[in-house]
Structures are given as structure tokens and as C-alpha cells.
Amino acid sequence: MSDSLQKVLDHLRLYDHPLLVFSARENNGVIEILIDLKNSTVAVHTYVFPIHPRDLDHPQFAWHLQRQLYDGLHDYFIEMFIRTPQDRVPRGQMPAERSEGN
């Protein structure tokens, strides 16, 4: 295990969430953060984002990691939407009406 990966894992251990689990891996020399749902009863993807090497070496690493983690959480939850108002809906028909087969 590289020192960079160990550094990220050590910082991720400082985060505890009732719904999510955080982990990290090294993939072709790049450190990636993984976000997964705990005890999910539905199929939801794992969210993965890279940590840039300049952030790993930055004196404010902990803050950079937190910002990226929070940004990743936002993106992860947005990607979980099954349908949004921006989905294509026939004119004059509300999304609930479409799902009822009207």
C-alpha cells in the first residue's frame, strides 16, 4: 500500500455516516475515493472519484479532501434519481400520469 493511499484511508476513517461507507483504492497510480450505500436494498452504483496528486501533497489536504468528499456526496445523490421533471414527458401530461399508463 502506498503512503498516499494510507494517508487517504486514515482521513476517511474520521468520517462516520449512518447511510454511507467510504473507502479508497489505488488504480493505475491514481488514488480513488469510493462511496457506497450501507445495507442497500436497491441496486445503486458505487460513486468513484479521483484525488489529484497536488491535493495529496497540499498543506491543507484534510480540507481539500473534505470539500471533494462533500462535492462527491452531492453528485452521488443526484445520480440516484430515477426520474426528474426534466425527463421527457408528453406535452400536457404530468409525470405521475405517465407512470399510470395514461
Protein backbone atom coordinates (compact mmCIF):
# COMPACT_ATOMS: atom_id res chain seq x y z
CA MET A 1 0.00 0.00 0.00
CA SER A 2 1.37 3.39 -0.96
CA ASP A 3 1.84 6.20 1.55
CA SER A 4 -0.71 8.29 -0.38
CA LEU A 5 -3.36 5.60 -0.17
CA GLN A 6 -2.68 5.11 3.53
CA LYS A 7 -2.98 8.86 4.09
CA VAL A 8 -6.38 8.96 2.38
CA LEU A 9 -7.63 5.87 4.25
CA ASP A 10 -6.52 7.38 7.56
CA HIS A 11 -8.52 10.54 6.86
CA LEU A 12 -11.58 8.65 5.65
CA ARG A 13 -11.66 6.80 8.99
CA LEU A 14 -12.50 10.16 10.59
CA TYR A 15 -15.87 10.16 8.78
CA ASP A 16 -18.80 8.11 10.04
CA HIS A 17 -22.18 8.18 8.31
CA PRO A 18 -25.30 6.13 9.08
CA LEU A 19 -26.13 5.52 5.41
CA LEU A 20 -22.79 5.59 3.60
CA VAL A 21 -19.43 3.87 3.70
CA PHE A 22 -16.25 5.50 2.40
CA SER A 23 -13.19 3.69 1.11
CA ALA A 24 -10.23 4.29 -1.17
CA ARG A 25 -8.12 2.35 -3.61
CA GLU A 26 -5.18 2.86 -5.90
CA ASN A 27 -5.99 2.36 -9.58
CA ASN A 28 -3.12 2.67 -12.09
CA GLY A 29 -1.26 5.04 -9.77
CA VAL A 30 -4.31 7.21 -9.04
CA ILE A 31 -5.96 7.33 -5.62
CA GLU A 32 -9.73 6.97 -5.90
CA ILE A 33 -12.39 7.56 -3.25
CA LEU A 34 -15.38 5.19 -3.27
CA ILE A 35 -18.79 5.97 -1.77
CA ASP A 36 -21.30 3.15 -1.23
CA LEU A 37 -24.63 2.81 0.49
CA LYS A 38 -24.64 0.68 3.65
CA ASN A 39 -27.19 -2.14 3.73
CA SER A 40 -28.83 -1.10 0.47
CA THR A 41 -31.98 -2.94 -0.55
CA VAL A 42 -31.88 -1.45 -4.04
CA ALA A 43 -29.18 -1.67 -6.68
CA VAL A 44 -27.23 1.58 -6.53
CA HIS A 45 -23.86 2.16 -8.15
CA THR A 46 -20.64 2.89 -6.29
CA TYR A 47 -19.58 6.50 -6.73
CA VAL A 48 -15.87 6.84 -7.53
CA PHE A 49 -13.79 9.99 -7.88
CA PRO A 50 -10.03 10.55 -8.09
CA ILE A 51 -7.89 12.59 -5.74
CA HIS A 52 -5.44 14.76 -7.65
CA PRO A 53 -1.79 14.30 -6.63
CA ARG A 54 -1.44 18.05 -5.94
CA ASP A 55 -4.24 17.74 -3.35
CA LEU A 56 -2.48 14.82 -1.66
CA ASP A 57 0.63 16.98 -1.16
CA HIS A 58 -1.18 20.19 -0.24
CA PRO A 59 -0.67 21.53 3.32
CA GLN A 60 -4.48 21.81 3.59
CA PHE A 61 -5.03 18.21 2.46
CA ALA A 62 -7.72 17.49 5.08
CA TRP A 63 -9.83 20.44 3.90
CA HIS A 64 -9.37 19.60 0.23
CA LEU A 65 -10.42 16.01 0.90
CA GLN A 66 -13.49 17.15 2.83
CA ARG A 67 -14.55 19.52 0.05
CA GLN A 68 -14.13 16.81 -2.58
CA LEU A 69 -15.96 14.28 -0.42
CA TYR A 70 -18.91 16.64 0.10
CA ASP A 71 -18.99 17.51 -3.61
CA GLY A 72 -18.93 13.77 -4.38
CA LEU A 73 -21.82 13.15 -1.98
CA HIS A 74 -23.89 15.76 -3.77
CA ASP A 75 -23.14 14.25 -7.17
CA TYR A 76 -23.76 10.69 -5.91
CA PHE A 77 -27.21 11.51 -4.57
CA ILE A 78 -28.16 13.45 -7.69
CA GLU A 79 -27.14 10.49 -9.86
CA MET A 80 -29.53 8.26 -7.87
CA PHE A 81 -32.63 9.97 -9.27
CA ILE A 82 -34.73 7.58 -11.31
CA ARG A 83 -36.80 10.37 -12.81
CA THR A 84 -36.77 14.17 -12.67
CA PRO A 85 -39.06 16.86 -14.10
CA GLN A 86 -36.52 17.30 -16.88
CA ASP A 87 -37.27 13.82 -18.22
CA ARG A 88 -39.15 13.84 -21.48
CA VAL A 89 -42.86 13.98 -20.74
CA PRO A 90 -45.56 14.26 -23.44
CA ARG A 91 -46.94 17.81 -23.55
CA GLY A 92 -49.73 18.39 -21.06
CA GLN A 93 -49.06 15.20 -19.16
CA MET A 94 -47.63 15.19 -15.63
CA PRO A 95 -45.00 12.56 -14.72
CA ALA A 96 -47.45 10.78 -12.33
CA GLU A 97 -49.98 10.47 -15.16
CA ARG A 98 -47.38 8.96 -17.46
CA SER A 99 -46.46 6.28 -14.92
CA GLU A 100 -50.12 5.29 -14.56
CA GLY A 101 -50.22 4.50 -18.26
CA ASN A 102 -52.36 7.46 -19.39
